[in-house]
Protein backbone atom coordinates (compact mmCIF):
# COMPACT_ATOMS: atom_id res chain seq x y z
CA ARG A 1 -31.84 10.83 -22.26
CA ALA A 2 -30.13 8.36 -19.89
CA ALA A 3 -29.41 5.98 -22.76
CA ALA A 4 -27.84 8.82 -24.79
CA PHE A 5 -25.56 9.75 -21.87
CA VAL A 6 -24.47 6.14 -21.34
CA ASP A 7 -23.79 5.70 -25.06
CA ALA A 8 -21.74 8.92 -25.09
CA LEU A 9 -19.84 7.77 -21.99
CA ALA A 10 -19.09 4.37 -23.53
CA GLU A 11 -17.82 6.15 -26.64
CA ALA A 12 -15.61 8.45 -24.54
CA ILE A 13 -14.19 5.41 -22.74
CA GLY A 14 -13.61 3.65 -26.07
CA ARG A 15 -11.46 6.55 -27.31
CA GLN A 16 -8.99 5.97 -24.47
CA GLU A 17 -6.67 3.26 -25.72
CA LEU A 18 -5.45 2.24 -22.27
CA LEU A 19 -8.96 1.46 -21.06
CA GLY A 20 -9.32 -1.22 -23.72
CA CYS A 21 -6.22 -3.10 -22.56
CA THR A 22 -5.60 -6.01 -20.27
CA VAL A 23 -2.63 -6.02 -17.89
CA GLN A 24 -0.12 -8.78 -18.53
CA GLY A 25 3.23 -9.82 -17.10
CA PRO A 26 4.42 -10.32 -13.53
CA ILE A 27 3.19 -8.00 -10.80
CA ASP A 28 6.60 -6.31 -10.56
CA ALA A 29 6.80 -5.58 -14.29
CA PRO A 30 3.30 -5.27 -15.73
CA PHE A 31 2.57 -4.17 -19.26
CA PHE A 32 -0.60 -3.27 -21.12
CA ARG A 33 -1.84 -5.34 -24.03
CA ARG A 34 -4.45 -4.00 -26.38
CA ALA A 35 -6.68 -6.91 -27.33
CA PRO A 36 -9.27 -6.49 -30.07
CA ASP A 37 -11.65 -8.97 -28.41
CA VAL A 38 -11.62 -7.26 -25.00
CA ALA A 39 -14.85 -5.34 -24.66
CA ILE A 40 -15.49 -2.56 -22.20
CA PRO A 41 -18.33 -3.97 -20.13
CA VAL A 42 -21.54 -1.97 -20.00
CA GLY A 43 -23.99 -3.53 -17.58
CA ARG A 44 -27.67 -2.61 -17.53
CA SER A 45 -29.96 -3.76 -14.73
CA ALA A 46 -33.47 -2.87 -13.60
CA PHE A 47 -34.47 -2.83 -9.93
CA PRO A 48 -37.78 -2.45 -8.10
CA ASP A 49 -36.46 0.48 -6.04
CA PHE A 50 -33.49 2.79 -5.78
CA ASP A 51 -32.19 1.15 -2.56
CA SER A 52 -31.85 -2.16 -4.40
CA ALA A 53 -30.01 -0.39 -7.21
CA GLN A 54 -27.61 1.20 -4.73
CA ARG A 55 -26.92 -2.17 -3.06
CA HIS A 56 -26.12 -3.59 -6.49
CA MET A 57 -23.69 -0.72 -7.16
CA GLN A 58 -21.98 -1.29 -3.78
CA GLU A 59 -21.46 -4.96 -4.69
CA LEU A 60 -19.86 -3.94 -7.98
CA ILE A 61 -17.57 -1.47 -6.26
CA HIS A 62 -16.25 -4.29 -4.07
CA THR A 63 -15.90 -6.82 -6.89
CA PRO A 64 -12.23 -7.20 -7.83
CA PHE A 65 -11.07 -6.65 -11.38
CA ASP A 66 -9.42 -9.55 -13.25
CA LEU A 67 -7.01 -7.34 -15.16
CA ARG A 68 -5.50 -10.26 -17.08
CA ALA A 69 -8.87 -10.91 -18.76
CA GLN A 70 -10.83 -7.66 -18.34
CA CYS A 71 -10.14 -4.06 -19.17
CA PRO A 72 -9.62 -1.73 -16.16
CA VAL A 73 -12.97 0.05 -16.42
CA ARG A 74 -16.60 -0.84 -15.72
CA LEU A 75 -19.70 1.04 -16.69
CA GLU A 76 -22.99 0.04 -15.05
CA ILE A 77 -26.47 1.50 -15.38
CA ALA A 78 -29.05 0.66 -12.74
CA GLU A 79 -32.63 1.71 -13.41
CA ALA A 80 -35.31 1.96 -10.75
CA GLY A 81 -38.56 3.25 -12.21
CA ASP A 82 -37.91 6.67 -13.72
CA ALA A 83 -34.63 7.08 -11.82
CA PHE A 84 -31.28 5.70 -12.86
CA ALA A 85 -27.77 5.55 -11.45
CA VAL A 86 -24.57 5.32 -13.46
CA LEU A 87 -21.44 3.76 -12.01
CA LEU A 88 -18.16 4.45 -13.76
CA LEU A 89 -15.50 2.38 -12.03
CA LEU A 90 -11.89 2.86 -13.07
CA HIS A 91 -9.10 0.66 -11.68
CA HIS A 92 -6.30 2.73 -10.13
CA ILE A 93 -3.75 1.22 -12.51
CA ALA A 94 -5.50 3.00 -15.40
CA GLY A 95 -6.61 6.30 -13.92
CA ASP A 96 -7.88 8.37 -11.02
CA ALA A 97 -10.60 10.86 -10.18
CA ASP A 98 -9.21 13.32 -12.72
CA SER A 99 -9.42 10.60 -15.38
CA ILE A 100 -13.06 9.98 -14.50
CA GLU A 101 -13.77 13.70 -14.78
CA LEU A 102 -12.18 13.74 -18.24
CA LEU A 103 -14.32 10.78 -19.32
CA LEU A 104 -17.49 12.45 -18.06
CA THR A 105 -16.54 15.69 -19.82
CA GLY A 106 -15.94 13.71 -22.99
CA ALA A 107 -19.38 12.11 -22.67
CA LEU A 108 -21.07 15.49 -22.24
CA ARG A 109 -19.21 16.85 -25.27
CA GLY A 110 -20.29 13.78 -27.21
CA MET A 111 -23.93 14.44 -26.32
CA ARG A 112 -23.51 17.94 -27.78
CA GLY A 113 -22.07 16.47 -30.97
CA GLU A 114 -18.49 17.53 -30.23
CA ARG A 115 -15.60 15.12 -30.67
CA GLY A 116 -13.61 14.30 -27.53
CA ALA A 117 -9.87 13.83 -27.31
CA ALA A 118 -8.39 10.37 -27.82
CA GLY A 119 -5.88 9.00 -25.35
CA ARG A 120 -2.62 7.37 -26.31
CA LEU A 121 -1.27 4.14 -24.91
CA ALA A 122 2.23 5.40 -25.76
CA THR A 123 1.98 7.85 -22.83
CA GLN A 124 1.45 4.97 -20.38
CA ALA A 125 4.17 2.90 -22.07
CA ALA A 126 6.65 5.77 -21.60
CA PHE A 127 5.70 6.01 -17.91
CA CYS A 128 6.25 2.25 -17.47
CA ALA A 129 9.64 2.52 -19.20
CA ARG A 130 10.71 5.33 -16.84
CA GLU A 131 9.57 3.30 -13.82
CA GLU A 132 11.51 0.24 -15.01
CA ALA A 133 14.67 2.35 -15.56
CA TYR A 134 14.30 3.81 -12.05
CA ARG A 135 13.91 0.33 -10.51
CA ARG A 136 17.27 -0.63 -12.06
CA SER A 137 19.08 2.54 -10.96
CA ALA A 138 21.39 3.34 -8.07
CA ASP A 139 18.84 5.95 -6.93
CA PHE A 140 16.25 3.21 -6.45
CA ALA A 141 18.72 1.06 -4.48
CA ALA A 142 19.51 4.02 -2.21
CA ASP A 143 15.82 4.93 -1.76
CA LYS A 144 14.95 1.32 -0.97
CA ALA A 145 17.78 1.00 1.57
CA PHE A 146 16.61 4.20 3.28
CA TRP A 147 12.96 3.09 3.57
CA ASP A 148 13.93 -0.44 4.61
CA ALA A 149 15.96 1.09 7.45
CA VAL A 150 13.15 3.44 8.44
CA PHE A 151 10.53 0.70 8.70
CA ALA A 152 12.68 -2.18 9.94
CA PRO A 153 12.03 -2.93 13.61
CA PRO A 154 15.06 -3.03 15.90
CA ALA A 155 16.55 -6.51 16.43
CA ALA A 156 15.65 -6.36 20.15
CA VAL A 157 11.98 -6.04 19.27
CA LEU A 158 12.10 -8.92 16.83
CA HIS A 159 13.34 -11.36 19.45
CA ALA A 160 12.47 -10.04 22.89
CA SER A 161 12.39 -13.57 24.27
CA PRO A 162 15.83 -15.19 24.69
CA ARG A 163 14.33 -18.43 23.30
CA ARG A 164 13.19 -16.54 20.19
CA LYS A 165 9.65 -17.65 20.83
CA GLY A 166 6.62 -15.68 21.84
CA ALA A 167 5.82 -15.32 25.51
CA MET A 168 2.48 -15.02 27.26
CA VAL A 169 1.76 -13.47 30.61
CA ALA A 170 -1.52 -13.99 32.43
CA LEU A 171 -2.94 -10.78 33.85
CA GLU A 172 -6.05 -10.48 35.93
CA LEU A 173 -7.93 -7.19 35.80
CA THR A 174 -10.00 -6.19 38.78
CA PRO A 175 -13.59 -5.03 38.16
CA ALA A 176 -12.49 -1.45 38.92
CA MET A 177 -9.67 -1.65 36.35
CA THR A 178 -12.05 -3.12 33.75
CA GLU A 179 -14.57 -0.33 34.40
CA SER A 180 -11.85 2.32 34.04
CA LEU A 181 -10.60 0.82 30.75
CA GLU A 182 -14.12 0.64 29.35
CA ALA A 183 -14.73 4.27 30.31
CA LEU A 184 -11.44 5.30 28.66
CA ALA A 185 -12.34 3.35 25.51
CA GLY A 186 -15.74 5.04 25.43
CA ARG A 187 -14.19 8.50 25.64
CA ALA A 188 -11.34 7.82 23.24
CA GLY A 189 -13.36 5.89 20.67
């Protein structure tokens, strides 16, 4: 039953064109490239116990994607005796929690023999085109100027020292002051 679910999930992922792409181009202007030789990785591992399987899954969650060479999705099955865990990891550039829900729904439909909906890369391409047009617009320049002003520190804070170098002041805390600060830290977290 687990194998059937994983196969159905891999099929649901395969129907989404974007998930079979690599991300190319500079970081400021990425684009998706569908490559026929890019495979959606499906890892299968067996572990002596469920804790070991969960540690393995945590490692995978914290393993960065190489989007220039790998598609933005990972599917991993960890078996521990009769139990199994499935990890569906989707890079944020390709989807979100709603996307994962749609993939899982597609897998369940596939297990019932129903055909799931196919995604279209053209939808993502249109989004990228709109973003690029915005980045070249006067609206973007105005928005950027506003947020730069909001988050820019005042000049006086940038160079508080007349020499424009950092300054250090030695300060000695009495045992009573140290005790009070530790108590405050304990209460405040």
